[in-house]
Amino acid sequence: MPQPGPSGAPSSAAVLDRLTDVARRRGIDAAADTPVADLLAAIDPQALVPQHLVLMAGAVLAFVFRYDRMLAEPASDAGELPIADRSI
């Protein structure tokens, strides 16, 4: 398990581990070796970010992950309607 930073705050690696765990529980395949994981690991966990910005970034990432998942799925039958994603 990653060690806390010098001020007792979680390290970037600990934050990344936590975020990927949450993503996996939501059914998103969040590998630790993806470009998104590299970006998340570079974030300073002690920086103050306004709550509305965090919520907006989460919504954008959720949309991107769903879109990526949709592109990876084989085409469904024309008669089937898409089902809603109720994971949030």
PDB file of N, CA and C in Angstrom:
ATOM      1  N   MET A   1       0.849  -1.185   0.000  1.00  0.00           N
ATOM      2  CA  MET A   1       0.000   0.000   0.000  1.00  0.00           C
ATOM      3  C   MET A   1       0.891   1.243   0.000  1.00  0.00           C
ATOM      4  N   PRO A   2       0.567   2.255  -0.829  1.00  0.00           N
ATOM      5  CA  PRO A   2       1.379   3.469  -0.879  1.00  0.00           C
ATOM      6  C   PRO A   2       1.379   4.201   0.454  1.00  0.00           C
ATOM      7  N   GLN A   3       2.517   4.805   0.753  1.00  0.00           N
ATOM      8  CA  GLN A   3       2.685   5.536   2.006  1.00  0.00           C
ATOM      9  C   GLN A   3       2.163   6.962   1.872  1.00  0.00           C
ATOM     10  N   PRO A   4       1.701   7.552   2.976  1.00  0.00           N
ATOM     11  CA  PRO A   4       1.251   8.942   2.928  1.00  0.00           C
ATOM     12  C   PRO A   4       2.403   9.877   2.599  1.00  0.00           C
ATOM     13  N   GLY A   5       2.052  11.052   2.081  1.00  0.00           N
ATOM     14  CA  GLY A   5       3.042  12.073   1.769  1.00  0.00           C
ATOM     15  C   GLY A   5       3.629  12.663   3.039  1.00  0.00           C
ATOM     16  N   PRO A   6       4.557  13.624   2.892  1.00  0.00           N
ATOM     17  CA  PRO A   6       5.248  14.176   4.056  1.00  0.00           C
ATOM     18  C   PRO A   6       4.328  14.849   5.064  1.00  0.00           C
ATOM     19  N   SER A   7       3.234  15.433   4.630  1.00  0.00           N
ATOM     20  CA  SER A   7       2.350  16.136   5.568  1.00  0.00           C
ATOM     21  C   SER A   7       1.234  15.239   6.096  1.00  0.00           C
ATOM     22  N   GLY A   8       1.301  13.945   5.810  1.00  0.00           N
ATOM     23  CA  GLY A   8       0.257  13.033   6.256  1.00  0.00           C
ATOM     24  C   GLY A   8      -0.863  12.879   5.249  1.00  0.00           C
ATOM     25  N   ALA A   9      -0.862  13.697   4.191  1.00  0.00           N
ATOM     26  CA  ALA A   9      -1.868  13.587   3.136  1.00  0.00           C
ATOM     27  C   ALA A   9      -1.545  12.368   2.282  1.00  0.00           C
ATOM     28  N   PRO A  10      -2.552  11.773   1.660  1.00  0.00           N
ATOM     29  CA  PRO A  10      -2.280  10.604   0.819  1.00  0.00           C
ATOM     30  C   PRO A  10      -1.400  10.985  -0.368  1.00  0.00           C
ATOM     31  N   SER A  11      -0.575  10.050  -0.796  1.00  0.00           N
ATOM     32  CA  SER A  11       0.283  10.293  -1.947  1.00  0.00           C
ATOM     33  C   SER A  11      -0.540  10.207  -3.229  1.00  0.00           C
ATOM     34  N   SER A  12       0.050  10.644  -4.335  1.00  0.00           N
ATOM     35  CA  SER A  12      -0.629  10.550  -5.630  1.00  0.00           C
ATOM     36  C   SER A  12      -0.966   9.101  -5.956  1.00  0.00           C
ATOM     37  N   ALA A  13      -0.052   8.192  -5.629  1.00  0.00           N
ATOM     38  CA  ALA A  13      -0.291   6.776  -5.907  1.00  0.00           C
ATOM     39  C   ALA A  13      -1.474   6.252  -5.096  1.00  0.00           C
ATOM     40  N   ALA A  14      -1.606   6.694  -3.848  1.00  0.00           N
ATOM     41  CA  ALA A  14      -2.730   6.260  -3.016  1.00  0.00           C
ATOM     42  C   ALA A  14      -4.047   6.780  -3.576  1.00  0.00           C
ATOM     43  N   VAL A  15      -4.038   8.017  -4.042  1.00  0.00           N
ATOM     44  CA  VAL A  15      -5.251   8.586  -4.640  1.00  0.00           C
ATOM     45  C   VAL A  15      -5.605   7.824  -5.908  1.00  0.00           C
ATOM     46  N   LEU A  16      -4.610   7.520  -6.743  1.00  0.00           N
ATOM     47  CA  LEU A  16      -4.849   6.760  -7.969  1.00  0.00           C
ATOM     48  C   LEU A  16      -5.418   5.381  -7.647  1.00  0.00           C
ATOM     49  N   ASP A  17      -4.851   4.696  -6.652  1.00  0.00           N
ATOM     50  CA  ASP A  17      -5.361   3.378  -6.260  1.00  0.00           C
ATOM     51  C   ASP A  17      -6.817   3.462  -5.822  1.00  0.00           C
ATOM     52  N   ARG A  18      -7.134   4.460  -5.051  1.00  0.00           N
ATOM     53  CA  ARG A  18      -8.509   4.637  -4.563  1.00  0.00           C
ATOM     54  C   ARG A  18      -9.471   4.886  -5.732  1.00  0.00           C
ATOM     55  N   LEU A  19      -9.083   5.758  -6.663  1.00  0.00           N
ATOM     56  CA  LEU A  19      -9.945   6.061  -7.810  1.00  0.00           C
ATOM     57  C   LEU A  19     -10.142   4.845  -8.706  1.00  0.00           C
ATOM     58  N   THR A  20      -9.095   4.073  -8.944  1.00  0.00           N
ATOM     59  CA  THR A  20      -9.256   2.881  -9.778  1.00  0.00           C
ATOM     60  C   THR A  20     -10.104   1.829  -9.067  1.00  0.00           C
ATOM     61  N   ASP A  21     -10.012   1.731  -7.744  1.00  0.00           N
ATOM     62  CA  ASP A  21     -10.877   0.809  -6.999  1.00  0.00           C
ATOM     63  C   ASP A  21     -12.346   1.201  -7.148  1.00  0.00           C
ATOM     64  N   VAL A  22     -12.630   2.491  -7.033  1.00  0.00           N
ATOM     65  CA  VAL A  22     -14.009   2.972  -7.194  1.00  0.00           C
ATOM     66  C   VAL A  22     -14.499   2.685  -8.609  1.00  0.00           C
ATOM     67  N   ALA A  23     -13.652   2.926  -9.603  1.00  0.00           N
ATOM     68  CA  ALA A  23     -14.038   2.671 -10.994  1.00  0.00           C
ATOM     69  C   ALA A  23     -14.342   1.192 -11.211  1.00  0.00           C
ATOM     70  N   ARG A  24     -13.521   0.313 -10.663  1.00  0.00           N
ATOM     71  CA  ARG A  24     -13.759  -1.129 -10.828  1.00  0.00           C
ATOM     72  C   ARG A  24     -15.068  -1.561 -10.167  1.00  0.00           C
ATOM     73  N   ARG A  25     -15.378  -0.982  -9.008  1.00  0.00           N
ATOM     74  CA  ARG A  25     -16.650  -1.317  -8.348  1.00  0.00           C
ATOM     75  C   ARG A  25     -17.834  -0.866  -9.186  1.00  0.00           C
ATOM     76  N   ARG A  26     -17.641   0.179  -9.987  1.00  0.00           N
ATOM     77  CA  ARG A  26     -18.702   0.687 -10.867  1.00  0.00           C
ATOM     78  C   ARG A  26     -18.743  -0.053 -12.200  1.00  0.00           C
ATOM     79  N   GLY A  27     -17.881  -1.048 -12.378  1.00  0.00           N
ATOM     80  CA  GLY A  27     -17.899  -1.829 -13.605  1.00  0.00           C
ATOM     81  C   GLY A  27     -17.044  -1.261 -14.721  1.00  0.00           C
ATOM     82  N   ILE A  28     -16.159  -0.325 -14.403  1.00  0.00           N
ATOM     83  CA  ILE A  28     -15.283   0.271 -15.412  1.00  0.00           C
ATOM     84  C   ILE A  28     -13.921  -0.390 -15.294  1.00  0.00           C
ATOM     85  N   ASP A  29     -13.426  -0.907 -16.416  1.00  0.00           N
ATOM     86  CA  ASP A  29     -12.114  -1.537 -16.422  1.00  0.00           C
ATOM     87  C   ASP A  29     -11.060  -0.439 -16.387  1.00  0.00           C
ATOM     88  N   ALA A  30     -10.561  -0.135 -15.220  1.00  0.00           N
ATOM     89  CA  ALA A  30      -9.603   0.958 -15.038  1.00  0.00           C
ATOM     90  C   ALA A  30      -8.237   0.371 -14.732  1.00  0.00           C
ATOM     91  N   ALA A  31      -7.483   0.105 -15.770  1.00  0.00           N
ATOM     92  CA  ALA A  31      -6.137  -0.441 -15.589  1.00  0.00           C
ATOM     93  C   ALA A  31      -5.199   0.649 -15.088  1.00  0.00           C
ATOM     94  N   ALA A  32      -4.214   0.256 -14.314  1.00  0.00           N
ATOM     95  CA  ALA A  32      -3.284   1.230 -13.735  1.00  0.00           C
ATOM     96  C   ALA A  32      -2.226   1.692 -14.730  1.00  0.00           C
ATOM     97  N   ASP A  33      -2.210   1.123 -15.938  1.00  0.00           N
ATOM     98  CA  ASP A  33      -1.181   1.501 -16.909  1.00  0.00           C
ATOM     99  C   ASP A  33      -1.758   2.254 -18.110  1.00  0.00           C
ATOM    100  N   THR A  34      -2.861   2.933 -17.928  1.00  0.00           N
ATOM    101  CA  THR A  34      -3.481   3.691 -19.013  1.00  0.00           C
ATOM    102  C   THR A  34      -3.047   5.151 -18.961  1.00  0.00           C
ATOM    103  N   PRO A  35      -3.219   5.883 -20.061  1.00  0.00           N
ATOM    104  CA  PRO A  35      -2.893   7.320 -20.039  1.00  0.00           C
ATOM    105  C   PRO A  35      -3.688   8.092 -18.982  1.00  0.00           C
ATOM    106  N   VAL A  36      -4.940   7.693 -18.755  1.00  0.00           N
ATOM    107  CA  VAL A  36      -5.746   8.373 -17.733  1.00  0.00           C
ATOM    108  C   VAL A  36      -5.124   8.156 -16.358  1.00  0.00           C
ATOM    109  N   ALA A  37      -4.672   6.947 -16.095  1.00  0.00           N
ATOM    110  CA  ALA A  37      -4.029   6.661 -14.809  1.00  0.00           C
ATOM    111  C   ALA A  37      -2.746   7.469 -14.656  1.00  0.00           C
ATOM    112  N   ASP A  38      -2.002   7.627 -15.748  1.00  0.00           N
ATOM    113  CA  ASP A  38      -0.782   8.445 -15.689  1.00  0.00           C
ATOM    114  C   ASP A  38      -1.113   9.893 -15.344  1.00  0.00           C
ATOM    115  N   LEU A  39      -2.190  10.413 -15.939  1.00  0.00           N
ATOM    116  CA  LEU A  39      -2.599  11.789 -15.634  1.00  0.00           C
ATOM    117  C   LEU A  39      -3.041  11.925 -14.178  1.00  0.00           C
ATOM    118  N   LEU A  40      -3.816  10.950 -13.699  1.00  0.00           N
ATOM    119  CA  LEU A  40      -4.283  11.006 -12.315  1.00  0.00           C
ATOM    120  C   LEU A  40      -3.123  10.900 -11.331  1.00  0.00           C
ATOM    121  N   ALA A  41      -2.121  10.103 -11.675  1.00  0.00           N
ATOM    122  CA  ALA A  41      -0.970   9.945 -10.787  1.00  0.00           C
ATOM    123  C   ALA A  41      -0.157  11.232 -10.685  1.00  0.00           C
ATOM    124  N   ALA A  42      -0.248  12.080 -11.705  1.00  0.00           N
ATOM    125  CA  ALA A  42       0.518  13.331 -11.705  1.00  0.00           C
ATOM    126  C   ALA A  42      -0.155  14.440 -10.905  1.00  0.00           C
ATOM    127  N   ILE A  43      -1.397  14.231 -10.486  1.00  0.00           N
ATOM    128  CA  ILE A  43      -2.133  15.264  -9.758  1.00  0.00           C
ATOM    129  C   ILE A  43      -1.595  15.393  -8.338  1.00  0.00           C
ATOM    130  N   ASP A  44      -1.435  16.620  -7.888  1.00  0.00           N
ATOM    131  CA  ASP A  44      -1.022  16.885  -6.508  1.00  0.00           C
ATOM    132  C   ASP A  44      -2.234  16.677  -5.600  1.00  0.00           C
ATOM    133  N   PRO A  45      -2.219  15.657  -4.726  1.00  0.00           N
ATOM    134  CA  PRO A  45      -3.400  15.387  -3.896  1.00  0.00           C
ATOM    135  C   PRO A  45      -3.659  16.453  -2.837  1.00  0.00           C
ATOM    136  N   GLN A  46      -2.709  17.350  -2.609  1.00  0.00           N
ATOM    137  CA  GLN A  46      -2.904  18.381  -1.598  1.00  0.00           C
ATOM    138  C   GLN A  46      -3.452  19.678  -2.186  1.00  0.00           C
ATOM    139  N   ALA A  47      -3.578  19.740  -3.490  1.00  0.00           N
ATOM    140  CA  ALA A  47      -4.090  20.960  -4.119  1.00  0.00           C
ATOM    141  C   ALA A  47      -5.574  21.126  -3.792  1.00  0.00           C
ATOM    142  N   LEU A  48      -5.979  22.369  -3.556  1.00  0.00           N
ATOM    143  CA  LEU A  48      -7.383  22.650  -3.275  1.00  0.00           C
ATOM    144  C   LEU A  48      -8.119  22.839  -4.595  1.00  0.00           C
ATOM    145  N   VAL A  49      -9.100  21.988  -4.834  1.00  0.00           N
ATOM    146  CA  VAL A  49      -9.883  22.048  -6.062  1.00  0.00           C
ATOM    147  C   VAL A  49     -11.330  22.299  -5.659  1.00  0.00           C
ATOM    148  N   PRO A  50     -11.980  23.285  -6.270  1.00  0.00           N
ATOM    149  CA  PRO A  50     -13.388  23.546  -5.932  1.00  0.00           C
ATOM    150  C   PRO A  50     -14.253  22.314  -6.202  1.00  0.00           C
ATOM    151  N   GLN A  51     -15.216  22.082  -5.325  1.00  0.00           N
ATOM    152  CA  GLN A  51     -16.056  20.891  -5.426  1.00  0.00           C
ATOM    153  C   GLN A  51     -16.771  20.810  -6.763  1.00  0.00           C
ATOM    154  N   HIS A  52     -17.288  21.928  -7.273  1.00  0.00           N
ATOM    155  CA  HIS A  52     -18.022  21.876  -8.539  1.00  0.00           C
ATOM    156  C   HIS A  52     -17.108  21.462  -9.690  1.00  0.00           C
ATOM    157  N   LEU A  53     -15.822  21.796  -9.617  1.00  0.00           N
ATOM    158  CA  LEU A  53     -14.884  21.387 -10.654  1.00  0.00           C
ATOM    159  C   LEU A  53     -14.628  19.884 -10.587  1.00  0.00           C
ATOM    160  N   VAL A  54     -14.537  19.346  -9.385  1.00  0.00           N
ATOM    161  CA  VAL A  54     -14.353  17.904  -9.219  1.00  0.00           C
ATOM    162  C   VAL A  54     -15.563  17.151  -9.764  1.00  0.00           C
ATOM    163  N   LEU A  55     -16.769  17.635  -9.457  1.00  0.00           N
ATOM    164  CA  LEU A  55     -17.982  16.986  -9.953  1.00  0.00           C
ATOM    165  C   LEU A  55     -18.059  17.047 -11.472  1.00  0.00           C
ATOM    166  N   MET A  56     -17.695  18.188 -12.051  1.00  0.00           N
ATOM    167  CA  MET A  56     -17.731  18.327 -13.502  1.00  0.00           C
ATOM    168  C   MET A  56     -16.701  17.401 -14.153  1.00  0.00           C
ATOM    169  N   ALA A  57     -15.503  17.332 -13.590  1.00  0.00           N
ATOM    170  CA  ALA A  57     -14.477  16.447 -14.137  1.00  0.00           C
ATOM    171  C   ALA A  57     -14.919  14.987 -14.046  1.00  0.00           C
ATOM    172  N   GLY A  58     -15.562  14.616 -12.948  1.00  0.00           N
ATOM    173  CA  GLY A  58     -16.073  13.251 -12.810  1.00  0.00           C
ATOM    174  C   GLY A  58     -17.135  12.931 -13.840  1.00  0.00           C
ATOM    175  N   ALA A  59     -18.018  13.892 -14.116  1.00  0.00           N
ATOM    176  CA  ALA A  59     -19.058  13.683 -15.126  1.00  0.00           C
ATOM    177  C   ALA A  59     -18.445  13.516 -16.510  1.00  0.00           C
ATOM    178  N   VAL A  60     -17.437  14.317 -16.814  1.00  0.00           N
ATOM    179  CA  VAL A  60     -16.764  14.206 -18.120  1.00  0.00           C
ATOM    180  C   VAL A  60     -16.067  12.856 -18.238  1.00  0.00           C
ATOM    181  N   LEU A  61     -15.351  12.443 -17.197  1.00  0.00           N
ATOM    182  CA  LEU A  61     -14.678  11.147 -17.242  1.00  0.00           C
ATOM    183  C   LEU A  61     -15.672   9.994 -17.362  1.00  0.00           C
ATOM    184  N   ALA A  62     -16.798  10.075 -16.662  1.00  0.00           N
ATOM    185  CA  ALA A  62     -17.822   9.027 -16.764  1.00  0.00           C
ATOM    186  C   ALA A  62     -18.346   8.940 -18.191  1.00  0.00           C
ATOM    187  N   PHE A  63     -18.588  10.092 -18.826  1.00  0.00           N
ATOM    188  CA  PHE A  63     -19.050  10.106 -20.213  1.00  0.00           C
ATOM    189  C   PHE A  63     -18.006   9.477 -21.135  1.00  0.00           C
ATOM    190  N   VAL A  64     -16.750   9.850 -20.947  1.00  0.00           N
ATOM    191  CA  VAL A  64     -15.683   9.326 -21.800  1.00  0.00           C
ATOM    192  C   VAL A  64     -15.543   7.819 -21.632  1.00  0.00           C
ATOM    193  N   PHE A  65     -15.593   7.319 -20.398  1.00  0.00           N
ATOM    194  CA  PHE A  65     -15.482   5.878 -20.177  1.00  0.00           C
ATOM    195  C   PHE A  65     -16.669   5.138 -20.793  1.00  0.00           C
ATOM    196  N   ARG A  66     -17.885   5.686 -20.667  1.00  0.00           N
ATOM    197  CA  ARG A  66     -19.053   5.039 -21.276  1.00  0.00           C
ATOM    198  C   ARG A  66     -18.933   5.021 -22.795  1.00  0.00           C
ATOM    199  N   TYR A  67     -18.489   6.128 -23.371  1.00  0.00           N
ATOM    200  CA  TYR A  67     -18.330   6.213 -24.823  1.00  0.00           C
ATOM    201  C   TYR A  67     -17.275   5.217 -25.294  1.00  0.00           C
ATOM    202  N   ASP A  68     -16.175   5.121 -24.569  1.00  0.00           N
ATOM    203  CA  ASP A  68     -15.122   4.175 -24.910  1.00  0.00           C
ATOM    204  C   ASP A  68     -15.641   2.744 -24.825  1.00  0.00           C
ATOM    205  N   ARG A  69     -16.425   2.455 -23.789  1.00  0.00           N
ATOM    206  CA  ARG A  69     -17.003   1.120 -23.638  1.00  0.00           C
ATOM    207  C   ARG A  69     -17.964   0.821 -24.787  1.00  0.00           C
ATOM    208  N   MET A  70     -18.753   1.835 -25.198  1.00  0.00           N
ATOM    209  CA  MET A  70     -19.701   1.653 -26.291  1.00  0.00           C
ATOM    210  C   MET A  70     -18.956   1.342 -27.595  1.00  0.00           C
ATOM    211  N   LEU A  71     -17.836   2.003 -27.852  1.00  0.00           N
ATOM    212  CA  LEU A  71     -17.069   1.759 -29.069  1.00  0.00           C
ATOM    213  C   LEU A  71     -16.477   0.356 -29.087  1.00  0.00           C
ATOM    214  N   ALA A  72     -16.178  -0.188 -27.925  1.00  0.00           N
ATOM    215  CA  ALA A  72     -15.558  -1.507 -27.845  1.00  0.00           C
ATOM    216  C   ALA A  72     -16.565  -2.639 -27.959  1.00  0.00           C
ATOM    217  N   GLU A  73     -17.852  -2.355 -27.724  1.00  0.00           N
ATOM    218  CA  GLU A  73     -18.870  -3.400 -27.769  1.00  0.00           C
ATOM    219  C   GLU A  73     -19.263  -3.697 -29.209  1.00  0.00           C
ATOM    220  N   PRO A  74     -19.565  -4.968 -29.515  1.00  0.00           N
ATOM    221  CA  PRO A  74     -20.039  -5.293 -30.861  1.00  0.00           C
ATOM    222  C   PRO A  74     -21.417  -4.672 -31.094  1.00  0.00           C
ATOM    223  N   ALA A  75     -21.722  -4.418 -32.355  1.00  0.00           N
ATOM    224  CA  ALA A  75     -23.012  -3.815 -32.698  1.00  0.00           C
ATOM    225  C   ALA A  75     -24.144  -4.740 -32.263  1.00  0.00           C
ATOM    226  N   SER A  76     -25.173  -4.164 -31.673  1.00  0.00           N
ATOM    227  CA  SER A  76     -26.318  -4.959 -31.226  1.00  0.00           C
ATOM    228  C   SER A  76     -27.316  -5.092 -32.371  1.00  0.00           C
ATOM    229  N   ASP A  77     -28.298  -5.963 -32.186  1.00  0.00           N
ATOM    230  CA  ASP A  77     -29.347  -6.119 -33.198  1.00  0.00           C
ATOM    231  C   ASP A  77     -30.113  -4.820 -33.344  1.00  0.00           C
ATOM    232  N   ALA A  78     -30.609  -4.569 -34.542  1.00  0.00           N
ATOM    233  CA  ALA A  78     -31.345  -3.325 -34.795  1.00  0.00           C
ATOM    234  C   ALA A  78     -32.629  -3.268 -33.979  1.00  0.00           C
ATOM    235  N   GLY A  79     -33.197  -4.418 -33.625  1.00  0.00           N
ATOM    236  CA  GLY A  79     -34.451  -4.441 -32.893  1.00  0.00           C
ATOM    237  C   GLY A  79     -34.305  -4.135 -31.412  1.00  0.00           C
ATOM    238  N   GLU A  80     -33.112  -4.214 -30.894  1.00  0.00           N
ATOM    239  CA  GLU A  80     -32.905  -3.978 -29.465  1.00  0.00           C
ATOM    240  C   GLU A  80     -32.725  -2.502 -29.179  1.00  0.00           C
ATOM    241  N   LEU A  81     -33.324  -2.053 -28.091  1.00  0.00           N
ATOM    242  CA  LEU A  81     -33.122  -0.683 -27.648  1.00  0.00           C
ATOM    243  C   LEU A  81     -31.987  -0.665 -26.636  1.00  0.00           C
ATOM    244  N   PRO A  82     -31.175   0.380 -26.631  1.00  0.00           N
ATOM    245  CA  PRO A  82     -30.100   0.438 -25.634  1.00  0.00           C
ATOM    246  C   PRO A  82     -30.677   0.554 -24.229  1.00  0.00           C
ATOM    247  N   ILE A  83     -29.997  -0.043 -23.277  1.00  0.00           N
ATOM    248  CA  ILE A  83     -30.454   0.049 -21.894  1.00  0.00           C
ATOM    249  C   ILE A  83     -29.732   1.199 -21.209  1.00  0.00           C
ATOM    250  N   ALA A  84     -30.376   1.788 -20.231  1.00  0.00           N
ATOM    251  CA  ALA A  84     -29.789   2.923 -19.518  1.00  0.00           C
ATOM    252  C   ALA A  84     -28.707   2.431 -18.567  1.00  0.00           C
ATOM    253  N   ASP A  85     -27.683   3.231 -18.412  1.00  0.00           N
ATOM    254  CA  ASP A  85     -26.624   2.933 -17.454  1.00  0.00           C
ATOM    255  C   ASP A  85     -27.054   3.481 -16.104  1.00  0.00           C
ATOM    256  N   ARG A  86     -27.325   2.601 -15.158  1.00  0.00           N
ATOM    257  CA  ARG A  86     -27.818   3.024 -13.846  1.00  0.00           C
ATOM    258  C   ARG A  86     -26.735   2.905 -12.785  1.00  0.00           C
ATOM    259  N   SER A  87     -25.469   2.976 -13.194  1.00  0.00           N
ATOM    260  CA  SER A  87     -24.383   2.777 -12.238  1.00  0.00           C
ATOM    261  C   SER A  87     -24.122   3.999 -11.378  1.00  0.00           C
ATOM    262  N   ILE A  88     -24.666   5.145 -11.749  1.00  0.00           N
ATOM    263  CA  ILE A  88     -24.403   6.360 -10.971  1.00  0.00           C
ATOM    264  C   ILE A  88     -25.578   6.657 -10.079  1.00  0.00           C
TER     265      ILE A  88
END
